[in-house]
């Protein structure tokens, strides 16, 4: 018994030491793929956040990513033709339930059946939802997967929750914003953890990230992208892992830009136009990205950078 008490006392001394040295870890990276001669490309973003103790990471107060200088949105895309109202789209989908075998993540990944359904309705609310759904279809910029740590709200959920989402170009939600994009998604209904906890599948999120033009004095960065933080539909969660793939927006060569009163096209796009301009390659030969993770005291804020070799844009 005496030996057990000694061991227990030693463990009691070690536990505070371990907790004091636990800390959140942040990792992120970018990758450019499928570069086309007309300037289009695919961007892959990956991130991870976890705590070295294995516990729940502290909640983020602020989170943003800086893009290389010269990468700016073209004015041709900054208009209502490409501004999807993400929360309205989410709400319209929820207002038109479907059989349980048809998952929400599949519906948001393919809006065509929903658009056809709305087109048959004469209700005023459905006509408004139809117009927005058509814009969102045009404004789709990518998709992704996230693994959610929900232990802060549901301690019993020790497994990460796999989630799937689609992304749509949208208006910004912060003062001075240039534009934004809205992530619409839900837990992956096919995953075992969601099947065991059906309530999480009913949480359909619509979160918006916003760009502002905030060039740094050193000329290295231009746009700053503010990512959503805080509770998600009332739940305190942490995004343990994130993989995003975006092909962006394009106005293809030959696209009709203007029609006459009789429906004849009188103006067409002369060449394919991609939504972002291409950043110039610095003397270092590397494009740099910066990420900021802000926490409430006593957890210190963290700023990190990552680089990738300058892509050979067309």
C-alpha atoms as a PDB file:
ATOM      1  CA  UNK A   1       0.000   0.000   0.000  1.00  0.00           C
ATOM      2  CA  UNK A   2       2.831   2.401   0.854  1.00  0.00           C
ATOM      3  CA  UNK A   3       4.425   1.761  -2.546  1.00  0.00           C
ATOM      4  CA  UNK A   4       1.115   2.453  -4.320  1.00  0.00           C
ATOM      5  CA  UNK A   5       0.767   5.767  -2.469  1.00  0.00           C
ATOM      6  CA  UNK A   6       4.290   6.790  -3.469  1.00  0.00           C
ATOM      7  CA  UNK A   7       3.582   5.999  -7.152  1.00  0.00           C
ATOM      8  CA  UNK A   8       0.275   7.866  -6.991  1.00  0.00           C
ATOM      9  CA  UNK A   9       2.018  10.881  -5.485  1.00  0.00           C
ATOM     10  CA  UNK A  10       4.642  10.832  -8.217  1.00  0.00           C
ATOM     11  CA  UNK A  11       1.953  10.698 -10.910  1.00  0.00           C
ATOM     12  CA  UNK A  12       0.153  13.618  -9.285  1.00  0.00           C
ATOM     13  CA  UNK A  13       3.320  15.664  -9.625  1.00  0.00           C
ATOM     14  CA  UNK A  14       3.819  14.646 -13.241  1.00  0.00           C
ATOM     15  CA  UNK A  15       0.281  15.398 -14.479  1.00  0.00           C
ATOM     16  CA  UNK A  16       0.447  19.211 -14.032  1.00  0.00           C
ATOM     17  CA  UNK A  17       3.878  19.157 -15.680  1.00  0.00           C
ATOM     18  CA  UNK A  18       2.471  17.323 -18.735  1.00  0.00           C
ATOM     19  CA  UNK A  19      -0.570  19.578 -18.988  1.00  0.00           C
ATOM     20  CA  UNK A  20       1.549  22.706 -18.736  1.00  0.00           C
ATOM     21  CA  UNK A  21       3.670  21.579 -21.672  1.00  0.00           C
ATOM     22  CA  UNK A  22       0.755  20.519 -23.880  1.00  0.00           C
ATOM     23  CA  UNK A  23       0.213  22.891 -26.785  1.00  0.00           C
ATOM     24  CA  UNK A  24      -1.808  23.100 -30.001  1.00  0.00           C
ATOM     25  CA  UNK A  25       0.042  22.297 -33.220  1.00  0.00           C
ATOM     26  CA  UNK A  26      -0.865  23.987 -36.514  1.00  0.00           C
ATOM     27  CA  UNK A  27       0.167  22.773 -39.957  1.00  0.00           C
ATOM     28  CA  UNK A  28      -0.888  23.989 -43.411  1.00  0.00           C
ATOM     29  CA  UNK A  29       0.256  23.723 -47.037  1.00  0.00           C
ATOM     30  CA  UNK A  30      -0.692  24.685 -50.591  1.00  0.00           C
ATOM     31  CA  UNK A  31      -0.243  22.853 -53.873  1.00  0.00           C
ATOM     32  CA  UNK A  32      -0.892  24.018 -57.462  1.00  0.00           C
ATOM     33  CA  UNK A  33      -1.956  21.393 -60.021  1.00  0.00           C
ATOM     34  CA  UNK A  34      -3.407  21.064 -63.531  1.00  0.00           C
ATOM     35  CA  UNK A  35      -2.092  24.353 -64.882  1.00  0.00           C
ATOM     36  CA  UNK A  36      -3.767  25.142 -68.222  1.00  0.00           C
ATOM     37  CA  UNK A  37      -2.266  27.252 -71.052  1.00  0.00           C
ATOM     38  CA  UNK A  38      -5.133  29.760 -70.651  1.00  0.00           C
ATOM     39  CA  UNK A  39      -4.193  30.447 -67.001  1.00  0.00           C
ATOM     40  CA  UNK A  40      -6.563  28.136 -65.136  1.00  0.00           C
ATOM     41  CA  UNK A  41      -5.242  25.925 -62.353  1.00  0.00           C
ATOM     42  CA  UNK A  42      -6.339  23.781 -59.404  1.00  0.00           C
ATOM     43  CA  UNK A  43      -5.355  24.725 -55.858  1.00  0.00           C
ATOM     44  CA  UNK A  44      -5.097  22.203 -53.012  1.00  0.00           C
ATOM     45  CA  UNK A  45      -5.106  23.430 -49.401  1.00  0.00           C
ATOM     46  CA  UNK A  46      -4.391  21.144 -46.456  1.00  0.00           C
ATOM     47  CA  UNK A  47      -4.334  21.893 -42.742  1.00  0.00           C
ATOM     48  CA  UNK A  48      -4.147  20.107 -39.397  1.00  0.00           C
ATOM     49  CA  UNK A  49      -4.689  21.311 -35.833  1.00  0.00           C
ATOM     50  CA  UNK A  50      -4.205  19.087 -32.800  1.00  0.00           C
ATOM     51  CA  UNK A  51      -3.008  19.257 -29.212  1.00  0.00           C
ATOM     52  CA  UNK A  52       0.172  17.486 -28.147  1.00  0.00           C
ATOM     53  CA  UNK A  53      -1.595  16.209 -25.035  1.00  0.00           C
ATOM     54  CA  UNK A  54      -4.191  14.400 -27.077  1.00  0.00           C
ATOM     55  CA  UNK A  55      -6.841  16.637 -25.547  1.00  0.00           C
ATOM     56  CA  UNK A  56      -9.188  19.147 -27.150  1.00  0.00           C
ATOM     57  CA  UNK A  57      -7.263  22.035 -28.790  1.00  0.00           C
ATOM     58  CA  UNK A  58      -8.141  25.527 -27.529  1.00  0.00           C
ATOM     59  CA  UNK A  59     -10.779  27.371 -29.519  1.00  0.00           C
ATOM     60  CA  UNK A  60      -9.525  29.814 -32.143  1.00  0.00           C
ATOM     61  CA  UNK A  61     -10.349  33.492 -31.652  1.00  0.00           C
ATOM     62  CA  UNK A  62      -9.104  34.463 -35.125  1.00  0.00           C
ATOM     63  CA  UNK A  63      -7.740  32.607 -38.136  1.00  0.00           C
ATOM     64  CA  UNK A  64      -6.570  33.990 -41.465  1.00  0.00           C
ATOM     65  CA  UNK A  65      -4.293  33.145 -44.380  1.00  0.00           C
ATOM     66  CA  UNK A  66      -2.294  35.592 -46.514  1.00  0.00           C
ATOM     67  CA  UNK A  67      -1.930  34.988 -50.266  1.00  0.00           C
ATOM     68  CA  UNK A  68       1.068  36.003 -52.416  1.00  0.00           C
ATOM     69  CA  UNK A  69       1.027  39.564 -53.765  1.00  0.00           C
ATOM     70  CA  UNK A  70      -0.352  39.816 -57.286  1.00  0.00           C
ATOM     71  CA  UNK A  71      -3.020  37.134 -56.818  1.00  0.00           C
ATOM     72  CA  UNK A  72      -6.202  39.220 -57.024  1.00  0.00           C
ATOM     73  CA  UNK A  73      -9.800  38.601 -58.034  1.00  0.00           C
ATOM     74  CA  UNK A  74     -10.742  39.919 -61.473  1.00  0.00           C
ATOM     75  CA  UNK A  75     -13.521  42.497 -61.565  1.00  0.00           C
ATOM     76  CA  UNK A  76     -15.523  40.443 -64.091  1.00  0.00           C
ATOM     77  CA  UNK A  77     -16.401  38.024 -61.287  1.00  0.00           C
ATOM     78  CA  UNK A  78     -17.317  40.605 -58.651  1.00  0.00           C
ATOM     79  CA  UNK A  79     -21.008  40.866 -59.441  1.00  0.00           C
ATOM     80  CA  UNK A  80     -24.373  39.277 -58.681  1.00  0.00           C
ATOM     81  CA  UNK A  81     -23.952  36.788 -61.530  1.00  0.00           C
ATOM     82  CA  UNK A  82     -21.444  34.915 -59.336  1.00  0.00           C
ATOM     83  CA  UNK A  83     -22.589  35.799 -55.799  1.00  0.00           C
ATOM     84  CA  UNK A  84     -24.181  32.709 -54.262  1.00  0.00           C
ATOM     85  CA  UNK A  85     -26.223  33.179 -51.077  1.00  0.00           C
ATOM     86  CA  UNK A  86     -24.943  30.090 -49.271  1.00  0.00           C
ATOM     87  CA  UNK A  87     -27.140  30.200 -46.136  1.00  0.00           C
ATOM     88  CA  UNK A  88     -30.236  30.716 -48.325  1.00  0.00           C
ATOM     89  CA  UNK A  89     -29.249  27.707 -50.447  1.00  0.00           C
ATOM     90  CA  UNK A  90     -28.758  25.571 -47.332  1.00  0.00           C
ATOM     91  CA  UNK A  91     -32.124  26.676 -45.929  1.00  0.00           C
ATOM     92  CA  UNK A  92     -33.907  26.012 -49.241  1.00  0.00           C
ATOM     93  CA  UNK A  93     -32.508  22.478 -49.380  1.00  0.00           C
ATOM     94  CA  UNK A  94     -33.601  21.860 -45.782  1.00  0.00           C
ATOM     95  CA  UNK A  95     -37.080  23.192 -46.596  1.00  0.00           C
ATOM     96  CA  UNK A  96     -37.465  20.537 -49.318  1.00  0.00           C
ATOM     97  CA  UNK A  97     -36.785  17.217 -47.560  1.00  0.00           C
ATOM     98  CA  UNK A  98     -35.996  14.092 -49.563  1.00  0.00           C
ATOM     99  CA  UNK A  99     -35.926  10.356 -48.723  1.00  0.00           C
ATOM    100  CA  UNK A 100     -33.283   9.459 -46.094  1.00  0.00           C
ATOM    101  CA  UNK A 101     -31.286   7.470 -48.641  1.00  0.00           C
ATOM    102  CA  UNK A 102     -30.467  10.746 -50.433  1.00  0.00           C
ATOM    103  CA  UNK A 103     -27.779  12.433 -48.360  1.00  0.00           C
ATOM    104  CA  UNK A 104     -27.463  16.184 -47.868  1.00  0.00           C
ATOM    105  CA  UNK A 105     -23.798  16.158 -48.932  1.00  0.00           C
ATOM    106  CA  UNK A 106     -24.792  14.527 -52.245  1.00  0.00           C
ATOM    107  CA  UNK A 107     -27.536  17.102 -52.814  1.00  0.00           C
ATOM    108  CA  UNK A 108     -25.148  20.012 -52.317  1.00  0.00           C
ATOM    109  CA  UNK A 109     -22.533  18.357 -54.547  1.00  0.00           C
ATOM    110  CA  UNK A 110     -25.044  18.097 -57.397  1.00  0.00           C
ATOM    111  CA  UNK A 111     -27.642  20.878 -57.476  1.00  0.00           C
ATOM    112  CA  UNK A 112     -29.213  19.921 -60.831  1.00  0.00           C
ATOM    113  CA  UNK A 113     -32.013  17.711 -59.389  1.00  0.00           C
ATOM    114  CA  UNK A 114     -32.883  20.412 -56.847  1.00  0.00           C
ATOM    115  CA  UNK A 115     -32.948  23.089 -59.560  1.00  0.00           C
ATOM    116  CA  UNK A 116     -35.309  20.919 -61.645  1.00  0.00           C
ATOM    117  CA  UNK A 117     -37.538  20.437 -58.590  1.00  0.00           C
ATOM    118  CA  UNK A 118     -37.723  24.186 -57.940  1.00  0.00           C
ATOM    119  CA  UNK A 119     -38.390  24.946 -61.623  1.00  0.00           C
ATOM    120  CA  UNK A 120     -41.665  22.986 -61.417  1.00  0.00           C
ATOM    121  CA  UNK A 121     -42.945  25.035 -58.467  1.00  0.00           C
ATOM    122  CA  UNK A 122     -45.054  28.175 -58.730  1.00  0.00           C
ATOM    123  CA  UNK A 123     -44.525  29.246 -55.116  1.00  0.00           C
ATOM    124  CA  UNK A 124     -42.919  32.663 -54.761  1.00  0.00           C
ATOM    125  CA  UNK A 125     -40.364  31.417 -52.227  1.00  0.00           C
ATOM    126  CA  UNK A 126     -39.355  28.603 -54.588  1.00  0.00           C
ATOM    127  CA  UNK A 127     -38.927  30.989 -57.529  1.00  0.00           C
ATOM    128  CA  UNK A 128     -36.546  33.062 -55.402  1.00  0.00           C
ATOM    129  CA  UNK A 129     -34.720  29.937 -54.262  1.00  0.00           C
ATOM    130  CA  UNK A 130     -34.472  28.807 -57.902  1.00  0.00           C
ATOM    131  CA  UNK A 131     -32.749  32.009 -58.971  1.00  0.00           C
ATOM    132  CA  UNK A 132     -30.221  31.665 -56.143  1.00  0.00           C
ATOM    133  CA  UNK A 133     -29.634  27.952 -56.813  1.00  0.00           C
ATOM    134  CA  UNK A 134     -28.815  28.719 -60.449  1.00  0.00           C
ATOM    135  CA  UNK A 135     -26.310  31.362 -59.356  1.00  0.00           C
ATOM    136  CA  UNK A 136     -24.762  28.928 -56.867  1.00  0.00           C
ATOM    137  CA  UNK A 137     -24.430  26.312 -59.596  1.00  0.00           C
ATOM    138  CA  UNK A 138     -22.508  28.858 -61.660  1.00  0.00           C
ATOM    139  CA  UNK A 139     -20.502  30.009 -58.609  1.00  0.00           C
ATOM    140  CA  UNK A 140     -19.263  26.573 -57.496  1.00  0.00           C
ATOM    141  CA  UNK A 141     -15.507  26.821 -56.892  1.00  0.00           C
ATOM    142  CA  UNK A 142     -14.583  23.523 -55.264  1.00  0.00           C
ATOM    143  CA  UNK A 143     -15.142  20.910 -52.607  1.00  0.00           C
ATOM    144  CA  UNK A 144     -13.404  19.321 -49.670  1.00  0.00           C
ATOM    145  CA  UNK A 145     -13.359  17.079 -46.642  1.00  0.00           C
ATOM    146  CA  UNK A 146     -12.970  17.940 -42.972  1.00  0.00           C
ATOM    147  CA  UNK A 147     -12.455  15.832 -39.868  1.00  0.00           C
ATOM    148  CA  UNK A 148     -14.158  17.473 -36.892  1.00  0.00           C
ATOM    149  CA  UNK A 149     -13.186  17.179 -33.235  1.00  0.00           C
ATOM    150  CA  UNK A 150     -16.471  17.717 -31.351  1.00  0.00           C
ATOM    151  CA  UNK A 151     -15.342  16.656 -27.871  1.00  0.00           C
ATOM    152  CA  UNK A 152     -15.696  20.207 -26.523  1.00  0.00           C
ATOM    153  CA  UNK A 153     -19.479  19.965 -27.042  1.00  0.00           C
ATOM    154  CA  UNK A 154     -20.055  16.192 -26.997  1.00  0.00           C
ATOM    155  CA  UNK A 155     -17.383  14.514 -24.809  1.00  0.00           C
ATOM    156  CA  UNK A 156     -18.658  11.064 -25.776  1.00  0.00           C
ATOM    157  CA  UNK A 157     -17.641  11.663 -29.398  1.00  0.00           C
ATOM    158  CA  UNK A 158     -14.021  10.613 -29.044  1.00  0.00           C
ATOM    159  CA  UNK A 159     -13.718   9.772 -32.780  1.00  0.00           C
ATOM    160  CA  UNK A 160     -13.225  12.490 -35.364  1.00  0.00           C
ATOM    161  CA  UNK A 161     -16.341  13.191 -37.451  1.00  0.00           C
ATOM    162  CA  UNK A 162     -15.689  12.950 -41.212  1.00  0.00           C
ATOM    163  CA  UNK A 163     -17.491  15.712 -43.102  1.00  0.00           C
ATOM    164  CA  UNK A 164     -17.930  16.680 -46.749  1.00  0.00           C
ATOM    165  CA  UNK A 165     -18.633  20.108 -48.216  1.00  0.00           C
ATOM    166  CA  UNK A 166     -18.934  22.170 -51.369  1.00  0.00           C
ATOM    167  CA  UNK A 167     -17.717  25.760 -51.841  1.00  0.00           C
ATOM    168  CA  UNK A 168     -19.455  28.624 -53.614  1.00  0.00           C
ATOM    169  CA  UNK A 169     -18.260  32.143 -54.469  1.00  0.00           C
ATOM    170  CA  UNK A 170     -20.184  34.749 -52.472  1.00  0.00           C
ATOM    171  CA  UNK A 171     -20.291  38.252 -51.083  1.00  0.00           C
ATOM    172  CA  UNK A 172     -17.954  39.052 -48.176  1.00  0.00           C
ATOM    173  CA  UNK A 173     -19.329  39.145 -44.648  1.00  0.00           C
ATOM    174  CA  UNK A 174     -16.798  41.537 -43.085  1.00  0.00           C
ATOM    175  CA  UNK A 175     -16.388  45.314 -43.554  1.00  0.00           C
ATOM    176  CA  UNK A 176     -14.025  46.183 -46.390  1.00  0.00           C
ATOM    177  CA  UNK A 177     -14.207  42.703 -47.865  1.00  0.00           C
ATOM    178  CA  UNK A 178     -13.549  42.199 -51.572  1.00  0.00           C
ATOM    179  CA  UNK A 179     -15.494  38.940 -51.903  1.00  0.00           C
ATOM    180  CA  UNK A 180     -15.864  35.623 -50.139  1.00  0.00           C
ATOM    181  CA  UNK A 181     -16.815  32.012 -50.476  1.00  0.00           C
ATOM    182  CA  UNK A 182     -19.308  29.958 -48.527  1.00  0.00           C
ATOM    183  CA  UNK A 183     -18.723  26.393 -47.398  1.00  0.00           C
ATOM    184  CA  UNK A 184     -21.897  24.295 -47.264  1.00  0.00           C
ATOM    185  CA  UNK A 185     -21.727  20.773 -45.914  1.00  0.00           C
ATOM    186  CA  UNK A 186     -22.475  18.200 -43.245  1.00  0.00           C
ATOM    187  CA  UNK A 187     -21.100  15.119 -41.573  1.00  0.00           C
ATOM    188  CA  UNK A 188     -20.529  12.192 -43.916  1.00  0.00           C
ATOM    189  CA  UNK A 189     -23.677  10.104 -43.424  1.00  0.00           C
ATOM    190  CA  UNK A 190     -21.876   6.964 -44.616  1.00  0.00           C
ATOM    191  CA  UNK A 191     -19.195   7.010 -41.902  1.00  0.00           C
ATOM    192  CA  UNK A 192     -19.521   4.609 -38.912  1.00  0.00           C
ATOM    193  CA  UNK A 193     -19.236   7.372 -36.293  1.00  0.00           C
ATOM    194  CA  UNK A 194     -22.121   9.297 -37.874  1.00  0.00           C
ATOM    195  CA  UNK A 195     -24.259   6.167 -38.124  1.00  0.00           C
ATOM    196  CA  UNK A 196     -23.677   5.626 -34.392  1.00  0.00           C
ATOM    197  CA  UNK A 197     -24.560   9.263 -33.630  1.00  0.00           C
ATOM    198  CA  UNK A 198     -27.271  10.273 -36.153  1.00  0.00           C
ATOM    199  CA  UNK A 199     -27.801  13.691 -34.543  1.00  0.00           C
ATOM    200  CA  UNK A 200     -24.561  15.044 -36.025  1.00  0.00           C
ATOM    201  CA  UNK A 201     -25.768  14.300 -39.575  1.00  0.00           C
ATOM    202  CA  UNK A 202     -28.569  16.809 -39.071  1.00  0.00           C
ATOM    203  CA  UNK A 203     -26.127  19.700 -38.580  1.00  0.00           C
ATOM    204  CA  UNK A 204     -25.974  21.399 -41.988  1.00  0.00           C
ATOM    205  CA  UNK A 205     -23.438  24.218 -41.985  1.00  0.00           C
ATOM    206  CA  UNK A 206     -23.045  27.318 -44.164  1.00  0.00           C
ATOM    207  CA  UNK A 207     -19.885  29.217 -43.218  1.00  0.00           C
ATOM    208  CA  UNK A 208     -18.368  32.134 -45.132  1.00  0.00           C
ATOM    209  CA  UNK A 209     -14.716  33.121 -45.505  1.00  0.00           C
ATOM    210  CA  UNK A 210     -13.931  36.659 -46.706  1.00  0.00           C
ATOM    211  CA  UNK A 211     -11.068  38.241 -48.667  1.00  0.00           C
ATOM    212  CA  UNK A 212      -9.757  41.722 -47.892  1.00  0.00           C
ATOM    213  CA  UNK A 213      -7.029  43.552 -49.786  1.00  0.00           C
ATOM    214  CA  UNK A 214      -4.299  44.054 -47.164  1.00  0.00           C
ATOM    215  CA  UNK A 215      -0.870  44.276 -48.855  1.00  0.00           C
ATOM    216  CA  UNK A 216       2.151  44.015 -46.567  1.00  0.00           C
ATOM    217  CA  UNK A 217       4.906  46.706 -46.657  1.00  0.00           C
ATOM    218  CA  UNK A 218       7.486  44.139 -47.784  1.00  0.00           C
ATOM    219  CA  UNK A 219       5.461  43.442 -50.937  1.00  0.00           C
ATOM    220  CA  UNK A 220       5.297  39.736 -50.155  1.00  0.00           C
ATOM    221  CA  UNK A 221       1.565  39.364 -49.489  1.00  0.00           C
ATOM    222  CA  UNK A 222      -1.634  40.887 -50.829  1.00  0.00           C
ATOM    223  CA  UNK A 223      -5.025  39.386 -50.006  1.00  0.00           C
ATOM    224  CA  UNK A 224      -5.850  38.214 -46.487  1.00  0.00           C
ATOM    225  CA  UNK A 225      -8.488  35.502 -46.220  1.00  0.00           C
ATOM    226  CA  UNK A 226     -10.400  35.490 -42.930  1.00  0.00           C
ATOM    227  CA  UNK A 227     -11.592  31.973 -42.122  1.00  0.00           C
ATOM    228  CA  UNK A 228     -14.711  31.374 -39.980  1.00  0.00           C
ATOM    229  CA  UNK A 229     -14.133  30.692 -36.276  1.00  0.00           C
ATOM    230  CA  UNK A 230     -16.347  30.177 -33.231  1.00  0.00           C
ATOM    231  CA  UNK A 231     -19.284  27.840 -32.630  1.00  0.00           C
ATOM    232  CA  UNK A 232     -20.774  26.001 -35.621  1.00  0.00           C
ATOM    233  CA  UNK A 233     -24.562  25.889 -35.361  1.00  0.00           C
ATOM    234  CA  UNK A 234     -24.130  26.280 -31.601  1.00  0.00           C
ATOM    235  CA  UNK A 235     -21.499  23.540 -31.250  1.00  0.00           C
ATOM    236  CA  UNK A 236     -17.928  24.250 -30.144  1.00  0.00           C
ATOM    237  CA  UNK A 237     -15.717  22.214 -32.474  1.00  0.00           C
ATOM    238  CA  UNK A 238     -12.181  22.094 -33.820  1.00  0.00           C
ATOM    239  CA  UNK A 239     -11.232  21.242 -37.408  1.00  0.00           C
ATOM    240  CA  UNK A 240      -8.601  18.596 -36.821  1.00  0.00           C
ATOM    241  CA  UNK A 241      -7.886  18.015 -40.505  1.00  0.00           C
ATOM    242  CA  UNK A 242      -8.940  19.798 -43.683  1.00  0.00           C
ATOM    243  CA  UNK A 243      -8.406  19.070 -47.386  1.00  0.00           C
ATOM    244  CA  UNK A 244      -9.768  21.567 -49.923  1.00  0.00           C
ATOM    245  CA  UNK A 245      -9.676  21.362 -53.709  1.00  0.00           C
ATOM    246  CA  UNK A 246     -10.695  24.395 -55.741  1.00  0.00           C
ATOM    247  CA  UNK A 247     -10.769  24.809 -59.502  1.00  0.00           C
ATOM    248  CA  UNK A 248     -12.072  28.352 -59.153  1.00  0.00           C
ATOM    249  CA  UNK A 249     -14.263  30.211 -61.629  1.00  0.00           C
ATOM    250  CA  UNK A 250     -13.789  30.737 -65.339  1.00  0.00           C
ATOM    251  CA  UNK A 251     -15.568  32.547 -68.144  1.00  0.00           C
ATOM    252  CA  UNK A 252     -14.797  30.336 -71.118  1.00  0.00           C
ATOM    253  CA  UNK A 253     -14.026  31.623 -74.577  1.00  0.00           C
ATOM    254  CA  UNK A 254     -17.238  31.976 -76.585  1.00  0.00           C
ATOM    255  CA  UNK A 255     -19.492  32.421 -73.542  1.00  0.00           C
ATOM    256  CA  UNK A 256     -22.391  34.748 -74.319  1.00  0.00           C
ATOM    257  CA  UNK A 257     -22.039  37.939 -72.286  1.00  0.00           C
ATOM    258  CA  UNK A 258     -24.975  39.916 -73.680  1.00  0.00           C
ATOM    259  CA  UNK A 259     -28.191  39.086 -75.494  1.00  0.00           C
ATOM    260  CA  UNK A 260     -30.510  41.224 -77.602  1.00  0.00           C
ATOM    261  CA  UNK A 261     -34.167  41.657 -76.768  1.00  0.00           C
ATOM    262  CA  UNK A 262     -34.909  38.780 -79.112  1.00  0.00           C
ATOM    263  CA  UNK A 263     -32.494  36.427 -77.328  1.00  0.00           C
ATOM    264  CA  UNK A 264     -29.694  36.589 -79.895  1.00  0.00           C
ATOM    265  CA  UNK A 265     -26.157  36.734 -78.492  1.00  0.00           C
ATOM    266  CA  UNK A 266     -24.551  40.069 -79.389  1.00  0.00           C
ATOM    267  CA  UNK A 267     -21.396  39.840 -77.275  1.00  0.00           C
ATOM    268  CA  UNK A 268     -19.190  36.849 -76.497  1.00  0.00           C
ATOM    269  CA  UNK A 269     -16.122  36.298 -74.327  1.00  0.00           C
ATOM    270  CA  UNK A 270     -13.055  36.634 -76.571  1.00  0.00           C
ATOM    271  CA  UNK A 271     -10.716  34.494 -74.474  1.00  0.00           C
ATOM    272  CA  UNK A 272     -11.001  32.281 -71.403  1.00  0.00           C
ATOM    273  CA  UNK A 273     -10.782  34.333 -68.213  1.00  0.00           C
ATOM    274  CA  UNK A 274      -9.782  32.845 -64.846  1.00  0.00           C
ATOM    275  CA  UNK A 275     -11.076  34.367 -61.609  1.00  0.00           C
ATOM    276  CA  UNK A 276      -7.625  35.117 -60.092  1.00  0.00           C
ATOM    277  CA  UNK A 277      -4.686  36.922 -61.615  1.00  0.00           C
ATOM    278  CA  UNK A 278      -1.368  35.117 -61.397  1.00  0.00           C
ATOM    279  CA  UNK A 279       1.171  36.247 -58.774  1.00  0.00           C
ATOM    280  CA  UNK A 280       4.620  37.220 -59.989  1.00  0.00           C
ATOM    281  CA  UNK A 281       7.437  34.928 -58.969  1.00  0.00           C
ATOM    282  CA  UNK A 282       9.764  36.583 -56.378  1.00  0.00           C
ATOM    283  CA  UNK A 283      13.526  36.504 -56.747  1.00  0.00           C
ATOM    284  CA  UNK A 284      13.591  33.591 -54.312  1.00  0.00           C
ATOM    285  CA  UNK A 285      11.689  31.439 -56.793  1.00  0.00           C
ATOM    286  CA  UNK A 286       9.188  30.591 -54.039  1.00  0.00           C
ATOM    287  CA  UNK A 287       5.606  31.734 -53.445  1.00  0.00           C
ATOM    288  CA  UNK A 288       4.960  32.349 -49.756  1.00  0.00           C
ATOM    289  CA  UNK A 289       1.751  31.928 -47.738  1.00  0.00           C
ATOM    290  CA  UNK A 290       1.254  33.066 -44.160  1.00  0.00           C
ATOM    291  CA  UNK A 291      -1.276  31.775 -41.609  1.00  0.00           C
ATOM    292  CA  UNK A 292      -2.300  33.307 -38.288  1.00  0.00           C
ATOM    293  CA  UNK A 293      -3.902  31.402 -35.411  1.00  0.00           C
ATOM    294  CA  UNK A 294      -5.234  33.667 -32.667  1.00  0.00           C
ATOM    295  CA  UNK A 295      -6.130  32.330 -29.207  1.00  0.00           C
ATOM    296  CA  UNK A 296      -7.474  33.817 -26.004  1.00  0.00           C
ATOM    297  CA  UNK A 297      -4.894  34.168 -23.169  1.00  0.00           C
ATOM    298  CA  UNK A 298      -2.978  32.458 -21.771  1.00  0.00           C
ATOM    299  CA  UNK A 299      -2.507  30.532 -25.037  1.00  0.00           C
ATOM    300  CA  UNK A 300      -0.153  32.581 -27.274  1.00  0.00           C
ATOM    301  CA  UNK A 301      -0.991  33.456 -30.867  1.00  0.00           C
ATOM    302  CA  UNK A 302       0.876  31.627 -33.627  1.00  0.00           C
ATOM    303  CA  UNK A 303       2.025  32.849 -37.057  1.00  0.00           C
ATOM    304  CA  UNK A 304       3.385  30.366 -39.581  1.00  0.00           C
ATOM    305  CA  UNK A 305       4.548  30.460 -43.201  1.00  0.00           C
ATOM    306  CA  UNK A 306       4.869  27.900 -45.950  1.00  0.00           C
ATOM    307  CA  UNK A 307       6.282  28.126 -49.473  1.00  0.00           C
ATOM    308  CA  UNK A 308       6.025  26.337 -52.782  1.00  0.00           C
ATOM    309  CA  UNK A 309       8.126  26.632 -55.953  1.00  0.00           C
ATOM    310  CA  UNK A 310       6.692  29.188 -58.380  1.00  0.00           C
ATOM    311  CA  UNK A 311       4.353  27.332 -60.771  1.00  0.00           C
ATOM    312  CA  UNK A 312       4.923  27.719 -64.512  1.00  0.00           C
ATOM    313  CA  UNK A 313       1.696  29.516 -65.337  1.00  0.00           C
ATOM    314  CA  UNK A 314       0.627  29.761 -68.952  1.00  0.00           C
END
